């Protein structure tokens, strides 16, 4: 039983090792470009990005 438990612990540690060594991605300084397509007919919408309105009354069938 002790040998099986030891092997299980070693396997668990080996599985977690990549997570411990992973480094977070650094933030990009440059901005991003986003395309928006509105495909629901009859309903103009407002488009928000980060809580601020980016597009007012965006009409169906329109792309940016």
N, C-alpha and C. Protein backbone atom coordinates (compact mmCIF):
# COMPACT_ATOMS: atom_id res chain seq x y z
N UNK A 1 0.82 -1.19 0.00
CA UNK A 1 0.00 0.00 0.00
C UNK A 1 0.87 1.26 0.00
N UNK A 2 1.95 1.22 0.77
CA UNK A 2 2.84 2.37 0.87
C UNK A 2 3.51 2.67 -0.47
N UNK A 3 3.87 1.61 -1.19
CA UNK A 3 4.52 1.79 -2.49
C UNK A 3 3.54 2.40 -3.50
N UNK A 4 2.28 1.95 -3.49
CA UNK A 4 1.27 2.49 -4.41
C UNK A 4 0.99 3.95 -4.09
N UNK A 5 0.91 4.28 -2.81
CA UNK A 5 0.66 5.66 -2.39
C UNK A 5 1.82 6.56 -2.78
N UNK A 6 3.03 6.05 -2.64
CA UNK A 6 4.22 6.80 -3.02
C UNK A 6 4.24 7.06 -4.52
N UNK A 7 3.89 6.04 -5.31
CA UNK A 7 3.85 6.20 -6.76
C UNK A 7 2.78 7.20 -7.17
N UNK A 8 1.63 7.15 -6.49
CA UNK A 8 0.55 8.09 -6.78
C UNK A 8 0.98 9.53 -6.46
N UNK A 9 1.67 9.71 -5.35
CA UNK A 9 2.16 11.04 -4.98
C UNK A 9 3.18 11.56 -5.97
N UNK A 10 4.07 10.68 -6.44
CA UNK A 10 5.07 11.09 -7.42
C UNK A 10 4.41 11.46 -8.74
N UNK A 11 3.40 10.70 -9.15
CA UNK A 11 2.69 11.01 -10.39
C UNK A 11 1.95 12.34 -10.27
N UNK A 12 1.36 12.59 -9.12
CA UNK A 12 0.66 13.86 -8.90
C UNK A 12 1.62 15.04 -8.94
N UNK A 13 2.79 14.87 -8.32
CA UNK A 13 3.79 15.94 -8.33
C UNK A 13 4.29 16.19 -9.75
N UNK A 14 4.49 15.12 -10.52
CA UNK A 14 4.94 15.28 -11.90
C UNK A 14 3.88 15.97 -12.75
N UNK A 15 2.61 15.71 -12.46
CA UNK A 15 1.53 16.35 -13.22
C UNK A 15 1.43 17.84 -12.89
N UNK A 16 1.75 18.22 -11.66
CA UNK A 16 1.65 19.62 -11.25
C UNK A 16 2.90 20.44 -11.58
N UNK A 17 4.00 19.79 -11.89
CA UNK A 17 5.25 20.47 -12.17
C UNK A 17 5.13 21.50 -13.31
N UNK A 18 4.50 21.18 -14.44
CA UNK A 18 4.38 22.20 -15.50
C UNK A 18 3.62 23.45 -15.04
N UNK A 19 2.64 23.29 -14.16
CA UNK A 19 1.91 24.45 -13.67
C UNK A 19 2.79 25.33 -12.79
N UNK A 20 3.67 24.72 -12.03
CA UNK A 20 4.56 25.48 -11.17
C UNK A 20 5.60 26.24 -11.97
N UNK A 21 6.00 25.70 -13.11
CA UNK A 21 7.03 26.33 -13.93
C UNK A 21 6.48 27.27 -14.98
N UNK A 22 5.18 27.31 -15.15
CA UNK A 22 4.57 28.16 -16.17
C UNK A 22 4.73 29.63 -15.79
N UNK A 23 5.00 30.45 -16.78
CA UNK A 23 5.10 31.89 -16.54
C UNK A 23 3.92 32.57 -17.23
N UNK A 24 3.36 33.58 -16.61
CA UNK A 24 2.22 34.27 -17.23
C UNK A 24 2.66 35.05 -18.47
N UNK A 25 1.75 35.18 -19.40
CA UNK A 25 2.04 35.95 -20.60
C UNK A 25 2.11 37.43 -20.25
N UNK A 26 3.01 38.13 -20.88
CA UNK A 26 3.11 39.56 -20.60
C UNK A 26 2.06 40.32 -21.40
N UNK A 27 1.66 41.44 -20.87
CA UNK A 27 0.63 42.24 -21.52
C UNK A 27 1.20 42.91 -22.77
N UNK A 28 0.38 43.02 -23.77
CA UNK A 28 0.78 43.68 -25.00
C UNK A 28 0.58 45.19 -24.85
N UNK A 29 1.52 45.96 -25.30
CA UNK A 29 1.41 47.41 -25.22
C UNK A 29 0.55 47.97 -26.36
N UNK A 30 0.55 47.30 -27.49
CA UNK A 30 -0.19 47.79 -28.66
C UNK A 30 -1.68 47.51 -28.51
N UNK A 31 -2.50 48.29 -29.19
CA UNK A 31 -3.95 48.11 -29.18
C UNK A 31 -4.36 46.95 -30.06
N UNK A 32 -5.62 46.62 -29.99
CA UNK A 32 -6.17 45.53 -30.79
C UNK A 32 -7.17 46.07 -31.79
N UNK A 33 -7.42 45.31 -32.83
CA UNK A 33 -8.42 45.67 -33.83
C UNK A 33 -9.52 44.62 -33.79
N UNK A 34 -10.75 45.08 -33.72
CA UNK A 34 -11.90 44.18 -33.64
C UNK A 34 -12.87 44.52 -34.75
N UNK A 35 -13.39 43.51 -35.40
CA UNK A 35 -14.44 43.69 -36.41
C UNK A 35 -15.76 43.23 -35.82
N UNK A 36 -16.81 43.98 -36.11
CA UNK A 36 -18.13 43.67 -35.58
C UNK A 36 -19.09 43.51 -36.74
N UNK A 37 -19.88 42.45 -36.72
CA UNK A 37 -20.93 42.21 -37.71
C UNK A 37 -22.24 42.05 -36.96
N UNK A 38 -23.22 42.86 -37.35
CA UNK A 38 -24.55 42.78 -36.71
C UNK A 38 -25.47 42.06 -37.68
N UNK A 39 -25.95 40.89 -37.30
CA UNK A 39 -26.75 40.08 -38.20
C UNK A 39 -28.18 39.81 -37.75
N UNK A 40 -28.68 40.55 -36.74
CA UNK A 40 -30.06 40.36 -36.29
C UNK A 40 -30.91 41.46 -36.90
N UNK A 41 -31.78 41.13 -37.85
CA UNK A 41 -32.54 42.15 -38.56
C UNK A 41 -33.53 42.89 -37.66
N UNK A 42 -33.71 44.19 -37.97
CA UNK A 42 -34.73 44.99 -37.31
C UNK A 42 -34.36 45.52 -35.94
N UNK A 43 -33.13 45.34 -35.50
CA UNK A 43 -32.77 45.78 -34.16
C UNK A 43 -31.41 46.47 -34.16
N UNK A 44 -31.37 47.80 -34.21
CA UNK A 44 -30.09 48.47 -34.04
C UNK A 44 -29.62 48.32 -32.59
N UNK A 45 -28.33 48.21 -32.40
CA UNK A 45 -27.79 47.99 -31.06
C UNK A 45 -26.64 48.96 -30.78
N UNK A 46 -26.35 49.14 -29.50
CA UNK A 46 -25.16 49.86 -29.07
C UNK A 46 -24.12 48.81 -28.71
N UNK A 47 -22.88 49.04 -29.10
CA UNK A 47 -21.79 48.10 -28.82
C UNK A 47 -20.88 48.74 -27.77
N UNK A 48 -20.64 48.00 -26.69
CA UNK A 48 -19.81 48.48 -25.59
C UNK A 48 -18.49 47.71 -25.54
N UNK A 49 -17.41 48.44 -25.24
CA UNK A 49 -16.10 47.85 -25.04
C UNK A 49 -15.56 48.36 -23.71
N UNK A 50 -15.24 47.46 -22.82
CA UNK A 50 -14.74 47.82 -21.48
C UNK A 50 -15.69 48.77 -20.76
N UNK A 51 -17.00 48.55 -20.92
CA UNK A 51 -18.00 49.34 -20.22
C UNK A 51 -18.29 50.70 -20.83
N UNK A 52 -17.66 51.03 -21.95
CA UNK A 52 -17.90 52.31 -22.61
C UNK A 52 -18.47 52.06 -24.00
N UNK A 53 -19.44 52.89 -24.39
CA UNK A 53 -20.10 52.71 -25.69
C UNK A 53 -19.12 53.04 -26.81
N UNK A 54 -18.91 52.08 -27.70
CA UNK A 54 -17.99 52.25 -28.83
C UNK A 54 -18.76 52.55 -30.11
N UNK A 55 -19.95 51.97 -30.27
CA UNK A 55 -20.78 52.18 -31.46
C UNK A 55 -22.21 52.47 -31.03
N UNK A 56 -22.80 53.54 -31.57
CA UNK A 56 -24.19 53.90 -31.28
C UNK A 56 -25.10 53.43 -32.41
N UNK A 57 -26.24 52.85 -32.05
CA UNK A 57 -27.27 52.44 -33.03
C UNK A 57 -26.66 51.71 -34.22
N UNK A 58 -25.89 50.70 -33.95
CA UNK A 58 -25.25 49.89 -34.98
C UNK A 58 -26.33 49.11 -35.71
N UNK A 59 -26.47 49.34 -37.01
CA UNK A 59 -27.58 48.79 -37.80
C UNK A 59 -27.30 47.37 -38.27
N UNK A 60 -28.36 46.56 -38.42
CA UNK A 60 -28.20 45.19 -38.94
C UNK A 60 -27.60 45.20 -40.34
N UNK A 61 -26.77 44.22 -40.63
CA UNK A 61 -26.13 44.11 -41.94
C UNK A 61 -24.90 44.98 -42.08
N UNK A 62 -24.54 45.70 -41.04
CA UNK A 62 -23.39 46.59 -41.05
C UNK A 62 -22.17 45.86 -40.50
N UNK A 63 -21.02 46.18 -41.04
CA UNK A 63 -19.76 45.67 -40.48
C UNK A 63 -18.85 46.86 -40.20
N UNK A 64 -17.89 46.65 -39.34
CA UNK A 64 -16.92 47.72 -39.07
C UNK A 64 -15.58 47.32 -39.62
